[in-house]
C-alpha atoms as a PDB file:
ATOM      1  CA  MET A   1     -29.026  22.787 -27.578  1.00  0.00           C
ATOM      2  CA  THR A   2     -29.318  26.481 -26.735  1.00  0.00           C
ATOM      3  CA  PRO A   3     -26.155  28.350 -25.691  1.00  0.00           C
ATOM      4  CA  LEU A   4     -25.529  28.649 -21.942  1.00  0.00           C
ATOM      5  CA  VAL A   5     -25.027  32.160 -20.540  1.00  0.00           C
ATOM      6  CA  GLY A   6     -23.578  32.848 -17.100  1.00  0.00           C
ATOM      7  CA  ILE A   7     -25.161  35.986 -15.587  1.00  0.00           C
ATOM      8  CA  THR A   8     -23.676  37.701 -12.556  1.00  0.00           C
ATOM      9  CA  ALA A   9     -25.996  38.316  -9.607  1.00  0.00           C
ATOM     10  CA  TRP A  10     -25.608  41.132  -7.056  1.00  0.00           C
ATOM     11  CA  ARG A  11     -25.544  40.778  -3.269  1.00  0.00           C
ATOM     12  CA  ARG A  12     -28.069  43.030  -1.540  1.00  0.00           C
ATOM     13  CA  GLU A  13     -29.637  43.332   1.901  1.00  0.00           C
ATOM     14  CA  LEU A  14     -33.428  43.216   1.557  1.00  0.00           C
ATOM     15  CA  ASP A  15     -36.407  42.783   3.847  1.00  0.00           C
ATOM     16  CA  THR A  16     -37.929  39.298   3.727  1.00  0.00           C
ATOM     17  CA  TYR A  17     -40.547  37.503   5.846  1.00  0.00           C
ATOM     18  CA  LEU A  18     -37.586  36.216   7.878  1.00  0.00           C
ATOM     19  CA  GLY A  19     -36.326  39.748   8.467  1.00  0.00           C
ATOM     20  CA  ARG A  20     -33.412  41.617   6.893  1.00  0.00           C
ATOM     21  CA  GLU A  21     -31.340  39.191   4.832  1.00  0.00           C
ATOM     22  CA  ARG A  22     -28.422  39.338   2.443  1.00  0.00           C
ATOM     23  CA  LEU A  23     -29.569  37.938  -0.905  1.00  0.00           C
ATOM     24  CA  GLN A  24     -28.061  37.146  -4.276  1.00  0.00           C
ATOM     25  CA  THR A  25     -30.315  39.161  -6.605  1.00  0.00           C
ATOM     26  CA  LEU A  26     -30.900  39.483 -10.329  1.00  0.00           C
ATOM     27  CA  SER A  27     -33.733  41.261 -12.121  1.00  0.00           C
ATOM     28  CA  ALA A  28     -35.870  38.914 -14.200  1.00  0.00           C
ATOM     29  CA  TYR A  29     -35.442  41.405 -17.072  1.00  0.00           C
ATOM     30  CA  TYR A  30     -31.982  39.893 -17.660  1.00  0.00           C
ATOM     31  CA  SER A  31     -32.995  36.246 -17.661  1.00  0.00           C
ATOM     32  CA  ASP A  32     -36.138  36.987 -19.700  1.00  0.00           C
ATOM     33  CA  ALA A  33     -34.122  38.809 -22.368  1.00  0.00           C
ATOM     34  CA  VAL A  34     -31.637  35.932 -22.560  1.00  0.00           C
ATOM     35  CA  ILE A  35     -34.418  33.338 -22.834  1.00  0.00           C
ATOM     36  CA  ASP A  36     -36.322  35.389 -25.421  1.00  0.00           C
ATOM     37  CA  ALA A  37     -33.175  35.476 -27.564  1.00  0.00           C
ATOM     38  CA  GLY A  38     -32.881  31.677 -27.537  1.00  0.00           C
ATOM     39  CA  MET A  39     -30.286  31.209 -24.790  1.00  0.00           C
ATOM     40  CA  THR A  40     -30.312  29.479 -21.404  1.00  0.00           C
ATOM     41  CA  PRO A  41     -29.294  31.589 -18.373  1.00  0.00           C
ATOM     42  CA  ILE A  42     -27.270  30.292 -15.436  1.00  0.00           C
ATOM     43  CA  ILE A  43     -27.002  32.692 -12.498  1.00  0.00           C
ATOM     44  CA  PHE A  44     -23.543  33.092 -10.960  1.00  0.00           C
ATOM     45  CA  PRO A  45     -23.680  34.037  -7.224  1.00  0.00           C
ATOM     46  CA  ASN A  46     -21.275  36.900  -6.708  1.00  0.00           C
ATOM     47  CA  GLY A  47     -18.320  37.376  -4.390  1.00  0.00           C
ATOM     48  CA  GLN A  48     -16.612  34.047  -5.103  1.00  0.00           C
ATOM     49  CA  ASP A  49     -12.879  33.593  -5.566  1.00  0.00           C
ATOM     50  CA  ARG A  50     -10.806  33.529  -8.741  1.00  0.00           C
ATOM     51  CA  ASP A  51     -10.569  29.737  -8.843  1.00  0.00           C
ATOM     52  CA  SER A  52     -14.377  29.573  -8.771  1.00  0.00           C
ATOM     53  CA  ALA A  53     -14.506  32.085 -11.638  1.00  0.00           C
ATOM     54  CA  LYS A  54     -12.337  29.818 -13.782  1.00  0.00           C
ATOM     55  CA  ARG A  55     -14.551  26.804 -13.099  1.00  0.00           C
ATOM     56  CA  LEU A  56     -17.762  28.737 -13.755  1.00  0.00           C
ATOM     57  CA  VAL A  57     -16.572  30.137 -17.078  1.00  0.00           C
ATOM     58  CA  ALA A  58     -15.741  26.588 -18.154  1.00  0.00           C
ATOM     59  CA  LEU A  59     -19.418  25.637 -17.666  1.00  0.00           C
ATOM     60  CA  VAL A  60     -20.894  28.198 -20.065  1.00  0.00           C
ATOM     61  CA  ASP A  61     -20.609  29.436 -23.631  1.00  0.00           C
ATOM     62  CA  GLY A  62     -20.405  33.104 -22.649  1.00  0.00           C
ATOM     63  CA  LEU A  63     -21.001  35.702 -19.940  1.00  0.00           C
ATOM     64  CA  LEU A  64     -23.416  38.536 -19.267  1.00  0.00           C
ATOM     65  CA  ILE A  65     -21.968  40.933 -16.691  1.00  0.00           C
ATOM     66  CA  SER A  66     -25.057  42.578 -15.228  1.00  0.00           C
ATOM     67  CA  GLY A  67     -25.647  45.925 -13.544  1.00  0.00           C
ATOM     68  CA  GLY A  68     -25.190  46.646  -9.850  1.00  0.00           C
ATOM     69  CA  ASP A  69     -23.616  49.176  -7.530  1.00  0.00           C
ATOM     70  CA  ASP A  70     -20.434  51.150  -8.108  1.00  0.00           C
ATOM     71  CA  VAL A  71     -17.068  49.608  -8.897  1.00  0.00           C
ATOM     72  CA  HIS A  72     -14.803  50.404  -5.927  1.00  0.00           C
ATOM     73  CA  PRO A  73     -12.347  53.189  -6.871  1.00  0.00           C
ATOM     74  CA  GLU A  74      -9.510  51.206  -5.286  1.00  0.00           C
ATOM     75  CA  THR A  75     -10.106  48.585  -7.976  1.00  0.00           C
ATOM     76  CA  TYR A  76      -8.878  51.062 -10.595  1.00  0.00           C
ATOM     77  CA  GLY A  77      -6.299  52.834  -8.432  1.00  0.00           C
ATOM     78  CA  GLU A  78      -8.207  55.866  -7.156  1.00  0.00           C
ATOM     79  CA  SER A  79      -9.502  57.046  -3.785  1.00  0.00           C
ATOM     80  CA  THR A  80     -13.193  57.079  -2.948  1.00  0.00           C
ATOM     81  CA  THR A  81     -15.190  60.274  -3.454  1.00  0.00           C
ATOM     82  CA  THR A  82     -18.845  59.820  -4.402  1.00  0.00           C
ATOM     83  CA  SER A  83     -19.023  56.074  -5.090  1.00  0.00           C
ATOM     84  CA  THR A  84     -21.660  54.006  -3.297  1.00  0.00           C
ATOM     85  CA  GLY A  85     -22.414  50.368  -2.527  1.00  0.00           C
ATOM     86  CA  GLN A  86     -18.838  49.277  -3.154  1.00  0.00           C
ATOM     87  CA  ASP A  87     -17.631  45.711  -2.677  1.00  0.00           C
ATOM     88  CA  THR A  88     -14.087  44.896  -3.761  1.00  0.00           C
ATOM     89  CA  SER A  89     -14.671  41.139  -3.480  1.00  0.00           C
ATOM     90  CA  VAL A  90     -17.413  41.450  -6.111  1.00  0.00           C
ATOM     91  CA  ASP A  91     -15.125  43.556  -8.313  1.00  0.00           C
ATOM     92  CA  GLN A  92     -12.319  41.004  -8.149  1.00  0.00           C
ATOM     93  CA  PHE A  93     -14.639  38.068  -8.852  1.00  0.00           C
ATOM     94  CA  GLU A  94     -16.150  39.754 -11.896  1.00  0.00           C
ATOM     95  CA  ILE A  95     -12.736  40.850 -13.157  1.00  0.00           C
ATOM     96  CA  ALA A  96     -11.616  37.231 -12.864  1.00  0.00           C
ATOM     97  CA  LEU A  97     -14.676  36.157 -14.879  1.00  0.00           C
ATOM     98  CA  VAL A  98     -13.918  38.673 -17.630  1.00  0.00           C
ATOM     99  CA  ARG A  99     -10.246  37.766 -17.855  1.00  0.00           C
ATOM    100  CA  GLU A 100     -10.997  34.045 -17.890  1.00  0.00           C
ATOM    101  CA  ALA A 101     -13.589  34.565 -20.630  1.00  0.00           C
ATOM    102  CA  ARG A 102     -10.964  36.449 -22.641  1.00  0.00           C
ATOM    103  CA  ALA A 103      -8.438  33.637 -22.101  1.00  0.00           C
ATOM    104  CA  GLU A 104     -11.017  31.085 -23.282  1.00  0.00           C
ATOM    105  CA  ASN A 105     -12.260  33.365 -26.106  1.00  0.00           C
ATOM    106  CA  LYS A 106     -15.823  33.200 -24.793  1.00  0.00           C
ATOM    107  CA  PRO A 107     -18.140  36.123 -25.669  1.00  0.00           C
ATOM    108  CA  VAL A 108     -19.060  38.735 -23.067  1.00  0.00           C
ATOM    109  CA  LEU A 109     -22.022  41.108 -23.064  1.00  0.00           C
ATOM    110  CA  ALA A 110     -21.545  43.796 -20.406  1.00  0.00           C
ATOM    111  CA  ILE A 111     -24.451  45.966 -19.244  1.00  0.00           C
ATOM    112  CA  CYS A 112     -24.243  49.240 -17.251  1.00  0.00           C
ATOM    113  CA  ARG A 113     -21.892  48.397 -14.353  1.00  0.00           C
ATOM    114  CA  GLY A 114     -20.825  45.576 -16.642  1.00  0.00           C
ATOM    115  CA  LEU A 115     -19.336  48.041 -19.159  1.00  0.00           C
ATOM    116  CA  GLN A 116     -17.571  49.850 -16.334  1.00  0.00           C
ATOM    117  CA  LEU A 117     -16.226  46.569 -14.944  1.00  0.00           C
ATOM    118  CA  LEU A 118     -15.113  45.405 -18.405  1.00  0.00           C
ATOM    119  CA  ASN A 119     -13.227  48.667 -18.891  1.00  0.00           C
ATOM    120  CA  VAL A 120     -11.526  48.392 -15.485  1.00  0.00           C
ATOM    121  CA  ALA A 121     -10.690  44.696 -15.993  1.00  0.00           C
ATOM    122  CA  LEU A 122      -8.828  45.649 -19.168  1.00  0.00           C
ATOM    123  CA  GLY A 123      -6.933  48.592 -17.669  1.00  0.00           C
ATOM    124  CA  GLY A 124      -9.342  51.539 -17.934  1.00  0.00           C
ATOM    125  CA  THR A 125     -10.652  53.923 -15.256  1.00  0.00           C
ATOM    126  CA  LEU A 126     -14.008  55.447 -14.305  1.00  0.00           C
ATOM    127  CA  ASN A 127     -15.630  58.768 -13.489  1.00  0.00           C
ATOM    128  CA  GLN A 128     -17.138  58.257 -10.049  1.00  0.00           C
ATOM    129  CA  ASP A 129     -20.142  60.500 -10.725  1.00  0.00           C
ATOM    130  CA  VAL A 130     -21.501  61.489 -14.129  1.00  0.00           C
ATOM    131  CA  THR A 131     -24.923  62.688 -13.002  1.00  0.00           C
ATOM    132  CA  GLY A 132     -26.250  66.212 -12.882  1.00  0.00           C
ATOM    133  CA  THR A 133     -25.546  67.183 -16.503  1.00  0.00           C
ATOM    134  CA  ALA A 134     -28.116  67.873 -19.171  1.00  0.00           C
ATOM    135  CA  VAL A 135     -27.719  64.300 -20.353  1.00  0.00           C
ATOM    136  CA  HIS A 136     -27.201  62.402 -17.118  1.00  0.00           C
ATOM    137  CA  ILE A 137     -29.713  63.398 -14.452  1.00  0.00           C
ATOM    138  CA  PRO A 138     -29.064  62.631 -10.767  1.00  0.00           C
ATOM    139  CA  PHE A 139     -29.491  58.937 -10.085  1.00  0.00           C
ATOM    140  CA  GLN A 140     -32.088  58.150  -7.451  1.00  0.00           C
ATOM    141  CA  PRO A 141     -34.747  55.485  -6.818  1.00  0.00           C
ATOM    142  CA  VAL A 142     -37.689  56.005  -9.151  1.00  0.00           C
ATOM    143  CA  GLY A 143     -40.524  53.764  -8.013  1.00  0.00           C
ATOM    144  CA  ASP A 144     -42.591  54.814 -11.026  1.00  0.00           C
ATOM    145  CA  PRO A 145     -42.301  52.752 -14.250  1.00  0.00           C
ATOM    146  CA  GLU A 146     -43.598  55.656 -16.345  1.00  0.00           C
ATOM    147  CA  GLU A 147     -40.985  58.056 -14.966  1.00  0.00           C
ATOM    148  CA  LEU A 148     -38.336  55.405 -15.521  1.00  0.00           C
ATOM    149  CA  ALA A 149     -39.421  55.022 -19.148  1.00  0.00           C
ATOM    150  CA  ASN A 150     -39.103  58.790 -19.650  1.00  0.00           C
ATOM    151  CA  ARG A 151     -35.467  58.873 -18.501  1.00  0.00           C
ATOM    152  CA  ILE A 152     -33.936  58.636 -21.956  1.00  0.00           C
ATOM    153  CA  HIS A 153     -31.101  60.260 -23.845  1.00  0.00           C
ATOM    154  CA  THR A 154     -29.431  59.951 -27.230  1.00  0.00           C
ATOM    155  CA  VAL A 155     -26.304  57.920 -27.934  1.00  0.00           C
ATOM    156  CA  THR A 156     -24.453  58.674 -31.165  1.00  0.00           C
ATOM    157  CA  LEU A 157     -22.856  55.566 -32.666  1.00  0.00           C
ATOM    158  CA  GLN A 158     -19.647  55.436 -34.679  1.00  0.00           C
ATOM    159  CA  PRO A 159     -20.375  54.880 -38.406  1.00  0.00           C
ATOM    160  CA  ASP A 160     -18.356  51.643 -38.508  1.00  0.00           C
ATOM    161  CA  SER A 161     -19.497  50.360 -35.116  1.00  0.00           C
ATOM    162  CA  VAL A 162     -21.062  46.973 -34.455  1.00  0.00           C
ATOM    163  CA  LEU A 163     -24.096  48.660 -32.892  1.00  0.00           C
ATOM    164  CA  ALA A 164     -24.686  50.963 -35.870  1.00  0.00           C
ATOM    165  CA  GLY A 165     -24.727  47.871 -38.055  1.00  0.00           C
ATOM    166  CA  LEU A 166     -27.135  46.070 -35.727  1.00  0.00           C
ATOM    167  CA  TYR A 167     -29.576  48.968 -35.435  1.00  0.00           C
ATOM    168  CA  GLY A 168     -29.189  50.411 -38.918  1.00  0.00           C
ATOM    169  CA  SER A 169     -28.679  53.873 -37.472  1.00  0.00           C
ATOM    170  CA  GLN A 170     -25.987  56.108 -36.027  1.00  0.00           C
ATOM    171  CA  GLU A 171     -28.319  57.393 -33.330  1.00  0.00           C
ATOM    172  CA  ILE A 172     -30.337  55.484 -30.735  1.00  0.00           C
ATOM    173  CA  LYS A 173     -32.417  56.443 -27.702  1.00  0.00           C
ATOM    174  CA  THR A 174     -31.428  54.764 -24.432  1.00  0.00           C
ATOM    175  CA  ASN A 175     -32.479  54.799 -20.782  1.00  0.00           C
ATOM    176  CA  THR A 176     -30.515  56.692 -18.112  1.00  0.00           C
ATOM    177  CA  LEU A 177     -29.905  54.535 -15.032  1.00  0.00           C
ATOM    178  CA  HIS A 178     -26.292  54.891 -13.994  1.00  0.00           C
ATOM    179  CA  HIS A 179     -24.067  56.815 -11.618  1.00  0.00           C
ATOM    180  CA  GLN A 180     -20.537  56.095 -12.829  1.00  0.00           C
ATOM    181  CA  GLY A 181     -19.128  56.085 -16.344  1.00  0.00           C
ATOM    182  CA  VAL A 182     -16.017  55.450 -18.435  1.00  0.00           C
ATOM    183  CA  LYS A 183     -13.202  57.929 -17.803  1.00  0.00           C
ATOM    184  CA  ARG A 184     -10.107  56.539 -19.532  1.00  0.00           C
ATOM    185  CA  LEU A 185     -11.049  53.836 -22.011  1.00  0.00           C
ATOM    186  CA  SER A 186      -8.988  50.646 -21.898  1.00  0.00           C
ATOM    187  CA  PRO A 187      -6.432  50.393 -24.730  1.00  0.00           C
ATOM    188  CA  GLU A 188      -8.019  47.026 -25.515  1.00  0.00           C
ATOM    189  CA  LEU A 189     -11.423  48.595 -26.222  1.00  0.00           C
ATOM    190  CA  ILE A 190     -12.813  50.723 -29.048  1.00  0.00           C
ATOM    191  CA  ALA A 191     -15.553  53.291 -28.423  1.00  0.00           C
ATOM    192  CA  GLU A 192     -18.790  52.346 -30.184  1.00  0.00           C
ATOM    193  CA  GLY A 193     -20.934  55.282 -29.105  1.00  0.00           C
ATOM    194  CA  SER A 194     -21.112  58.338 -26.853  1.00  0.00           C
ATOM    195  CA  THR A 195     -23.447  61.055 -25.600  1.00  0.00           C
ATOM    196  CA  ASP A 196     -23.493  64.736 -26.532  1.00  0.00           C
ATOM    197  CA  ASP A 197     -21.413  65.540 -23.438  1.00  0.00           C
ATOM    198  CA  GLY A 198     -18.685  63.118 -24.529  1.00  0.00           C
ATOM    199  CA  LEU A 199     -19.313  60.163 -22.193  1.00  0.00           C
ATOM    200  CA  ILE A 200     -18.531  56.818 -23.827  1.00  0.00           C
ATOM    201  CA  GLU A 201     -21.651  54.672 -23.537  1.00  0.00           C
ATOM    202  CA  ALA A 202     -20.701  51.680 -25.666  1.00  0.00           C
ATOM    203  CA  ALA A 203     -17.415  49.926 -26.382  1.00  0.00           C
ATOM    204  CA  ARG A 204     -16.144  46.671 -27.824  1.00  0.00           C
ATOM    205  CA  CYS A 205     -12.966  44.658 -27.761  1.00  0.00           C
ATOM    206  CA  ASP A 206     -10.321  45.634 -30.303  1.00  0.00           C
ATOM    207  CA  GLY A 207      -9.570  42.130 -31.552  1.00  0.00           C
ATOM    208  CA  SER A 208     -11.005  38.697 -32.291  1.00  0.00           C
ATOM    209  CA  TRP A 209     -12.553  38.254 -28.842  1.00  0.00           C
ATOM    210  CA  TRP A 210     -16.285  39.168 -28.913  1.00  0.00           C
ATOM    211  CA  ALA A 211     -16.796  41.504 -25.963  1.00  0.00           C
ATOM    212  CA  LEU A 212     -19.291  44.358 -26.124  1.00  0.00           C
ATOM    213  CA  GLY A 213     -20.466  46.673 -23.369  1.00  0.00           C
ATOM    214  CA  VAL A 214     -23.263  49.251 -23.187  1.00  0.00           C
ATOM    215  CA  GLN A 215     -23.901  51.787 -20.445  1.00  0.00           C
ATOM    216  CA  TRP A 216     -27.685  51.608 -20.684  1.00  0.00           C
ATOM    217  CA  HIS A 217     -30.047  48.733 -19.803  1.00  0.00           C
ATOM    218  CA  PRO A 218     -31.163  47.079 -23.064  1.00  0.00           C
ATOM    219  CA  GLU A 219     -32.904  44.295 -21.133  1.00  0.00           C
ATOM    220  CA  ARG A 220     -35.396  46.912 -19.894  1.00  0.00           C
ATOM    221  CA  SER A 221     -36.115  48.166 -23.414  1.00  0.00           C
ATOM    222  CA  SER A 222     -38.865  46.941 -25.718  1.00  0.00           C
ATOM    223  CA  PHE A 223     -38.282  43.639 -27.506  1.00  0.00           C
ATOM    224  CA  GLU A 224     -37.647  45.503 -30.777  1.00  0.00           C
ATOM    225  CA  ASP A 225     -34.954  47.647 -29.140  1.00  0.00           C
ATOM    226  CA  ARG A 226     -33.174  44.851 -27.286  1.00  0.00           C
ATOM    227  CA  GLU A 227     -33.517  42.065 -29.869  1.00  0.00           C
ATOM    228  CA  PRO A 228     -30.667  43.114 -32.228  1.00  0.00           C
ATOM    229  CA  LEU A 229     -28.109  43.222 -29.401  1.00  0.00           C
ATOM    230  CA  PHE A 230     -29.144  39.987 -27.694  1.00  0.00           C
ATOM    231  CA  SER A 231     -29.422  38.185 -31.030  1.00  0.00           C
ATOM    232  CA  ALA A 232     -25.881  39.282 -31.941  1.00  0.00           C
ATOM    233  CA  PHE A 233     -24.715  37.958 -28.564  1.00  0.00           C
ATOM    234  CA  ARG A 234     -26.424  34.641 -29.244  1.00  0.00           C
ATOM    235  CA  GLU A 235     -24.807  34.387 -32.668  1.00  0.00           C
ATOM    236  CA  ALA A 236     -21.394  34.965 -31.099  1.00  0.00           C
ATOM    237  CA  LEU A 237     -22.084  32.175 -28.588  1.00  0.00           C
ATOM    238  CA  SER A 238     -23.231  29.813 -31.316  1.00  0.00           C
ATOM    239  CA  ARG A 239     -19.872  30.184 -33.066  1.00  0.00           C
ATOM    240  CA  GLN A 240     -18.051  28.700 -30.064  1.00  0.00           C
END
């Protein structure tokens, strides 16, 4: 049987034929990438309580914490400045998922907001706005797949990092689709890679628990670019 992966959805208000509705949403890029790598996705509706998180983690072999809006600054002990789309109930549910996965030693792959949430769940903090530099351009809706594909930057990987081993290189090109970023890295995490301006864009757990987060969106990359990461995730699940 293929490993089961719980993927967090995101609550959004969108126009439907019934009018404006609040929906649990998840880009098919995530589920497609999971399926292509030989895993079975199960979507976790967001905003549930901690007891629900414990029960959900028990159902799966591992977690994929997906992207979404900003982590609320109150979640990591700061006041709000430029953060948007915040929802503390979502933060607390996802933190409960991460901590339960750690307690059960179940692998976690964290993408974009997922890396930020993983860092906060383990005691780190975030920069509320990292856009506007030479590396991180202002985040705004694109609406043009070609323009989206051109939003790339370089991430330099640590020589002994998991990602450098997976990609056979200390330098990879990634997409730029985020607003926040890691400020103080959790003491439980090790930096895997960073940009020229010093922003940590990949980190993993410092220990036996398989937990790896990346700031970019590998699920939106070509199969060749996403396959090493998702295959490594699948291998970690298969060892459970």
